[in-house]
Amino acid sequence: MVPLSGVVEVEGIRQTLRQLLAGLGHPYLALRMGIANPQQPAPPHTPRLPTGQVVDTSAVPGAGA
């Protein structure tokens, strides 16, 4: 992943991104994801936290239903 913070440092672009996200939160970082080179060995998987520890849906109506 490559962080692209410049995308959200420009006021007009930040507002457009916020509209695309339906007004949920305040965008502060964009990430560019790609595909690894198939000619190279795959890197080890990154350990992940359970979704309940990293996703807060308390402000989303009906998320707990």
PDB file of N, CA and C in Angstrom:
ATOM      1  N   MET A   1       0.832  -1.166   0.000  1.00  0.00           N
ATOM      2  CA  MET A   1       0.000   0.000   0.000  1.00  0.00           C
ATOM      3  C   MET A   1       0.884   1.239   0.000  1.00  0.00           C
ATOM      4  N   VAL A   2       0.408   2.254  -0.674  1.00  0.00           N
ATOM      5  CA  VAL A   2       1.110   3.524  -0.714  1.00  0.00           C
ATOM      6  C   VAL A   2       0.150   4.604  -0.221  1.00  0.00           C
ATOM      7  N   PRO A   3       0.513   5.319   0.868  1.00  0.00           N
ATOM      8  CA  PRO A   3      -0.383   6.385   1.334  1.00  0.00           C
ATOM      9  C   PRO A   3      -0.346   7.573   0.380  1.00  0.00           C
ATOM     10  N   LEU A   4      -1.487   8.170   0.150  1.00  0.00           N
ATOM     11  CA  LEU A   4      -1.609   9.326  -0.736  1.00  0.00           C
ATOM     12  C   LEU A   4      -2.283  10.465   0.025  1.00  0.00           C
ATOM     13  N   SER A   5      -1.627  10.975   1.054  1.00  0.00           N
ATOM     14  CA  SER A   5      -2.255  11.996   1.887  1.00  0.00           C
ATOM     15  C   SER A   5      -2.508  13.292   1.125  1.00  0.00           C
ATOM     16  N   GLY A   6      -1.744  13.546   0.070  1.00  0.00           N
ATOM     17  CA  GLY A   6      -1.944  14.765  -0.706  1.00  0.00           C
ATOM     18  C   GLY A   6      -3.345  14.887  -1.275  1.00  0.00           C
ATOM     19  N   VAL A   7      -3.975  13.758  -1.539  1.00  0.00           N
ATOM     20  CA  VAL A   7      -5.332  13.763  -2.089  1.00  0.00           C
ATOM     21  C   VAL A   7      -6.297  14.479  -1.157  1.00  0.00           C
ATOM     22  N   VAL A   8      -6.143  14.312   0.130  1.00  0.00           N
ATOM     23  CA  VAL A   8      -7.080  14.916   1.073  1.00  0.00           C
ATOM     24  C   VAL A   8      -6.550  16.207   1.685  1.00  0.00           C
ATOM     25  N   GLU A   9      -5.388  16.673   1.251  1.00  0.00           N
ATOM     26  CA  GLU A   9      -4.866  17.946   1.727  1.00  0.00           C
ATOM     27  C   GLU A   9      -5.430  19.113   0.929  1.00  0.00           C
ATOM     28  N   VAL A  10      -6.010  18.850  -0.226  1.00  0.00           N
ATOM     29  CA  VAL A  10      -6.612  19.893  -1.061  1.00  0.00           C
ATOM     30  C   VAL A  10      -8.094  19.964  -0.719  1.00  0.00           C
ATOM     31  N   GLU A  11      -8.545  21.139  -0.265  1.00  0.00           N
ATOM     32  CA  GLU A  11      -9.911  21.300   0.250  1.00  0.00           C
ATOM     33  C   GLU A  11     -10.982  20.802  -0.719  1.00  0.00           C
ATOM     34  N   GLY A  12     -10.919  21.202  -1.980  1.00  0.00           N
ATOM     35  CA  GLY A  12     -11.951  20.802  -2.937  1.00  0.00           C
ATOM     36  C   GLY A  12     -12.003  19.299  -3.152  1.00  0.00           C
ATOM     37  N   ILE A  13     -10.845  18.677  -3.254  1.00  0.00           N
ATOM     38  CA  ILE A  13     -10.794  17.226  -3.444  1.00  0.00           C
ATOM     39  C   ILE A  13     -11.281  16.516  -2.191  1.00  0.00           C
ATOM     40  N   ARG A  14     -10.904  17.045  -1.017  1.00  0.00           N
ATOM     41  CA  ARG A  14     -11.349  16.442   0.244  1.00  0.00           C
ATOM     42  C   ARG A  14     -12.871  16.484   0.351  1.00  0.00           C
ATOM     43  N   GLN A  15     -13.495  17.597  -0.039  1.00  0.00           N
ATOM     44  CA  GLN A  15     -14.955  17.706   0.012  1.00  0.00           C
ATOM     45  C   GLN A  15     -15.614  16.735  -0.970  1.00  0.00           C
ATOM     46  N   THR A  16     -15.048  16.607  -2.163  1.00  0.00           N
ATOM     47  CA  THR A  16     -15.584  15.656  -3.141  1.00  0.00           C
ATOM     48  C   THR A  16     -15.492  14.231  -2.609  1.00  0.00           C
ATOM     49  N   LEU A  17     -14.365  13.881  -2.015  1.00  0.00           N
ATOM     50  CA  LEU A  17     -14.198  12.548  -1.443  1.00  0.00           C
ATOM     51  C   LEU A  17     -15.197  12.318  -0.318  1.00  0.00           C
ATOM     52  N   ARG A  18     -15.419  13.323   0.502  1.00  0.00           N
ATOM     53  CA  ARG A  18     -16.388  13.182   1.598  1.00  0.00           C
ATOM     54  C   ARG A  18     -17.791  12.945   1.043  1.00  0.00           C
ATOM     55  N   GLN A  19     -18.155  13.629  -0.036  1.00  0.00           N
ATOM     56  CA  GLN A  19     -19.463  13.411  -0.657  1.00  0.00           C
ATOM     57  C   GLN A  19     -19.562  11.988  -1.204  1.00  0.00           C
ATOM     58  N   LEU A  20     -18.498  11.505  -1.817  1.00  0.00           N
ATOM     59  CA  LEU A  20     -18.498  10.136  -2.341  1.00  0.00           C
ATOM     60  C   LEU A  20     -18.644   9.107  -1.226  1.00  0.00           C
ATOM     61  N   LEU A  21     -18.170   9.454  -0.038  1.00  0.00           N
ATOM     62  CA  LEU A  21     -18.295   8.565   1.115  1.00  0.00           C
ATOM     63  C   LEU A  21     -19.607   8.789   1.856  1.00  0.00           C
ATOM     64  N   ALA A  22     -20.541   9.477   1.240  1.00  0.00           N
ATOM     65  CA  ALA A  22     -21.875   9.746   1.787  1.00  0.00           C
ATOM     66  C   ALA A  22     -21.812  10.503   3.106  1.00  0.00           C
ATOM     67  N   GLY A  23     -20.800  11.358   3.285  1.00  0.00           N
ATOM     68  CA  GLY A  23     -20.717  12.184   4.480  1.00  0.00           C
ATOM     69  C   GLY A  23     -20.325  11.440   5.741  1.00  0.00           C
ATOM     70  N   LEU A  24     -19.919  10.178   5.642  1.00  0.00           N
ATOM     71  CA  LEU A  24     -19.516   9.414   6.831  1.00  0.00           C
ATOM     72  C   LEU A  24     -18.082   9.764   7.207  1.00  0.00           C
ATOM     73  N   GLY A  25     -17.912  10.436   8.317  1.00  0.00           N
ATOM     74  CA  GLY A  25     -16.577  10.752   8.812  1.00  0.00           C
ATOM     75  C   GLY A  25     -15.882  11.831   8.015  1.00  0.00           C
ATOM     76  N   HIS A  26     -14.580  11.947   8.267  1.00  0.00           N
ATOM     77  CA  HIS A  26     -13.746  12.951   7.618  1.00  0.00           C
ATOM     78  C   HIS A  26     -12.544  12.251   6.996  1.00  0.00           C
ATOM     79  N   PRO A  27     -12.472  12.203   5.664  1.00  0.00           N
ATOM     80  CA  PRO A  27     -11.346  11.509   5.032  1.00  0.00           C
ATOM     81  C   PRO A  27     -10.028  12.216   5.348  1.00  0.00           C
ATOM     82  N   TYR A  28      -9.013  11.442   5.720  1.00  0.00           N
ATOM     83  CA  TYR A  28      -7.701  12.026   5.994  1.00  0.00           C
ATOM     84  C   TYR A  28      -6.568  11.287   5.307  1.00  0.00           C
ATOM     85  N   LEU A  29      -6.871  10.191   4.641  1.00  0.00           N
ATOM     86  CA  LEU A  29      -5.825   9.442   3.962  1.00  0.00           C
ATOM     87  C   LEU A  29      -6.441   8.578   2.871  1.00  0.00           C
ATOM     88  N   ALA A  30      -5.773   8.507   1.746  1.00  0.00           N
ATOM     89  CA  ALA A  30      -6.168   7.584   0.679  1.00  0.00           C
ATOM     90  C   ALA A  30      -5.030   6.584   0.509  1.00  0.00           C
ATOM     91  N   LEU A  31      -5.359   5.353   0.213  1.00  0.00           N
ATOM     92  CA  LEU A  31      -4.353   4.311   0.016  1.00  0.00           C
ATOM     93  C   LEU A  31      -4.450   3.750  -1.388  1.00  0.00           C
ATOM     94  N   ARG A  32      -3.306   3.533  -1.997  1.00  0.00           N
ATOM     95  CA  ARG A  32      -3.264   2.885  -3.306  1.00  0.00           C
ATOM     96  C   ARG A  32      -2.782   1.459  -3.077  1.00  0.00           C
ATOM     97  N   MET A  33      -3.563   0.511  -3.557  1.00  0.00           N
ATOM     98  CA  MET A  33      -3.207  -0.895  -3.399  1.00  0.00           C
ATOM     99  C   MET A  33      -2.895  -1.482  -4.771  1.00  0.00           C
ATOM    100  N   GLY A  34      -1.984  -2.409  -4.791  1.00  0.00           N
ATOM    101  CA  GLY A  34      -1.606  -3.021  -6.054  1.00  0.00           C
ATOM    102  C   GLY A  34      -1.488  -4.527  -5.929  1.00  0.00           C
ATOM    103  N   ILE A  35      -0.918  -5.125  -6.936  1.00  0.00           N
ATOM    104  CA  ILE A  35      -0.741  -6.571  -6.990  1.00  0.00           C
ATOM    105  C   ILE A  35       0.760  -6.857  -6.961  1.00  0.00           C
ATOM    106  N   ALA A  36       1.152  -7.833  -6.158  1.00  0.00           N
ATOM    107  CA  ALA A  36       2.564  -8.200  -6.057  1.00  0.00           C
ATOM    108  C   ALA A  36       3.063  -8.804  -7.364  1.00  0.00           C
ATOM    109  N   ASN A  37       4.340  -8.699  -7.583  1.00  0.00           N
ATOM    110  CA  ASN A  37       4.979  -9.272  -8.762  1.00  0.00           C
ATOM    111  C   ASN A  37       4.880 -10.798  -8.694  1.00  0.00           C
ATOM    112  N   PRO A  38       4.229 -11.437  -9.664  1.00  0.00           N
ATOM    113  CA  PRO A  38       4.069 -12.894  -9.618  1.00  0.00           C
ATOM    114  C   PRO A  38       5.391 -13.651  -9.792  1.00  0.00           C
ATOM    115  N   GLN A  39       6.429 -12.972 -10.248  1.00  0.00           N
ATOM    116  CA  GLN A  39       7.739 -13.607 -10.423  1.00  0.00           C
ATOM    117  C   GLN A  39       8.523 -13.691  -9.112  1.00  0.00           C
ATOM    118  N   GLN A  40       8.065 -12.992  -8.085  1.00  0.00           N
ATOM    119  CA  GLN A  40       8.739 -12.970  -6.787  1.00  0.00           C
ATOM    120  C   GLN A  40       7.980 -13.833  -5.786  1.00  0.00           C
ATOM    121  N   PRO A  41       8.663 -14.369  -4.771  1.00  0.00           N
ATOM    122  CA  PRO A  41       7.942 -15.123  -3.735  1.00  0.00           C
ATOM    123  C   PRO A  41       6.990 -14.203  -2.974  1.00  0.00           C
ATOM    124  N   ALA A  42       5.875 -14.750  -2.583  1.00  0.00           N
ATOM    125  CA  ALA A  42       4.874 -13.959  -1.860  1.00  0.00           C
ATOM    126  C   ALA A  42       5.400 -13.590  -0.476  1.00  0.00           C
ATOM    127  N   PRO A  43       5.145 -12.357  -0.043  1.00  0.00           N
ATOM    128  CA  PRO A  43       5.549 -11.972   1.309  1.00  0.00           C
ATOM    129  C   PRO A  43       4.651 -12.660   2.333  1.00  0.00           C
ATOM    130  N   PRO A  44       5.087 -12.747   3.583  1.00  0.00           N
ATOM    131  CA  PRO A  44       4.231 -13.357   4.604  1.00  0.00           C
ATOM    132  C   PRO A  44       2.989 -12.501   4.847  1.00  0.00           C
ATOM    133  N   HIS A  45       1.892 -13.144   5.202  1.00  0.00           N
ATOM    134  CA  HIS A  45       0.664 -12.419   5.493  1.00  0.00           C
ATOM    135  C   HIS A  45       0.828 -11.589   6.758  1.00  0.00           C
ATOM    136  N   THR A  46       0.231 -10.416   6.760  1.00  0.00           N
ATOM    137  CA  THR A  46       0.246  -9.549   7.930  1.00  0.00           C
ATOM    138  C   THR A  46      -0.807 -10.034   8.914  1.00  0.00           C
ATOM    139  N   PRO A  47      -0.460 -10.172  10.193  1.00  0.00           N
ATOM    140  CA  PRO A  47      -1.475 -10.574  11.176  1.00  0.00           C
ATOM    141  C   PRO A  47      -2.598  -9.538  11.229  1.00  0.00           C
ATOM    142  N   ARG A  48      -3.821  -9.986  11.353  1.00  0.00           N
ATOM    143  CA  ARG A  48      -4.982  -9.096  11.369  1.00  0.00           C
ATOM    144  C   ARG A  48      -5.706  -9.178  12.700  1.00  0.00           C
ATOM    145  N   LEU A  49      -6.249  -8.041  13.123  1.00  0.00           N
ATOM    146  CA  LEU A  49      -7.106  -8.011  14.301  1.00  0.00           C
ATOM    147  C   LEU A  49      -8.508  -8.444  13.900  1.00  0.00           C
ATOM    148  N   PRO A  50      -9.295  -8.961  14.841  1.00  0.00           N
ATOM    149  CA  PRO A  50     -10.691  -9.265  14.544  1.00  0.00           C
ATOM    150  C   PRO A  50     -11.435  -7.985  14.142  1.00  0.00           C
ATOM    151  N   THR A  51     -12.381  -8.109  13.223  1.00  0.00           N
ATOM    152  CA  THR A  51     -13.129  -6.955  12.728  1.00  0.00           C
ATOM    153  C   THR A  51     -13.729  -6.132  13.852  1.00  0.00           C
ATOM    154  N   GLY A  52     -14.248  -6.781  14.878  1.00  0.00           N
ATOM    155  CA  GLY A  52     -14.863  -6.068  15.990  1.00  0.00           C
ATOM    156  C   GLY A  52     -13.919  -5.146  16.732  1.00  0.00           C
ATOM    157  N   GLN A  53     -12.620  -5.347  16.593  1.00  0.00           N
ATOM    158  CA  GLN A  53     -11.643  -4.495  17.260  1.00  0.00           C
ATOM    159  C   GLN A  53     -11.207  -3.309  16.412  1.00  0.00           C
ATOM    160  N   VAL A  54     -11.503  -3.331  15.124  1.00  0.00           N
ATOM    161  CA  VAL A  54     -11.030  -2.252  14.265  1.00  0.00           C
ATOM    162  C   VAL A  54     -12.134  -1.489  13.549  1.00  0.00           C
ATOM    163  N   VAL A  55     -13.357  -1.995  13.531  1.00  0.00           N
ATOM    164  CA  VAL A  55     -14.461  -1.336  12.844  1.00  0.00           C
ATOM    165  C   VAL A  55     -15.498  -0.906  13.872  1.00  0.00           C
ATOM    166  N   ASP A  56     -15.732   0.407  13.950  1.00  0.00           N
ATOM    167  CA  ASP A  56     -16.726   0.953  14.876  1.00  0.00           C
ATOM    168  C   ASP A  56     -17.962   1.340  14.073  1.00  0.00           C
ATOM    169  N   THR A  57     -19.042   0.602  14.251  1.00  0.00           N
ATOM    170  CA  THR A  57     -20.282   0.886  13.523  1.00  0.00           C
ATOM    171  C   THR A  57     -21.330   1.524  14.421  1.00  0.00           C
ATOM    172  N   SER A  58     -20.925   2.008  15.592  1.00  0.00           N
ATOM    173  CA  SER A  58     -21.895   2.558  16.538  1.00  0.00           C
ATOM    174  C   SER A  58     -22.625   3.783  15.995  1.00  0.00           C
ATOM    175  N   ALA A  59     -22.015   4.519  15.072  1.00  0.00           N
ATOM    176  CA  ALA A  59     -22.654   5.711  14.524  1.00  0.00           C
ATOM    177  C   ALA A  59     -23.459   5.421  13.258  1.00  0.00           C
ATOM    178  N   VAL A  60     -23.488   4.179  12.798  1.00  0.00           N
ATOM    179  CA  VAL A  60     -24.202   3.816  11.577  1.00  0.00           C
ATOM    180  C   VAL A  60     -25.574   3.272  11.951  1.00  0.00           C
ATOM    181  N   PRO A  61     -26.645   3.967  11.543  1.00  0.00           N
ATOM    182  CA  PRO A  61     -27.994   3.498  11.879  1.00  0.00           C
ATOM    183  C   PRO A  61     -28.247   2.086  11.355  1.00  0.00           C
ATOM    184  N   GLY A  62     -28.753   1.218  12.207  1.00  0.00           N
ATOM    185  CA  GLY A  62     -29.110  -0.135  11.820  1.00  0.00           C
ATOM    186  C   GLY A  62     -27.944  -1.093  11.690  1.00  0.00           C
ATOM    187  N   ALA A  63     -26.730  -0.661  12.009  1.00  0.00           N
ATOM    188  CA  ALA A  63     -25.566  -1.534  11.838  1.00  0.00           C
ATOM    189  C   ALA A  63     -25.587  -2.711  12.797  1.00  0.00           C
ATOM    190  N   GLY A  64     -26.195  -2.548  13.965  1.00  0.00           N
ATOM    191  CA  GLY A  64     -26.214  -3.630  14.935  1.00  0.00           C
ATOM    192  C   GLY A  64     -27.393  -4.566  14.768  1.00  0.00           C
ATOM    193  N   ALA A  65     -28.248  -4.277  13.797  1.00  0.00           N
ATOM    194  CA  ALA A  65     -29.464  -5.092  13.616  1.00  0.00           C
ATOM    195  C   ALA A  65     -29.183  -6.358  12.865  1.00  0.00           C
TER     196      ALA A  65
END
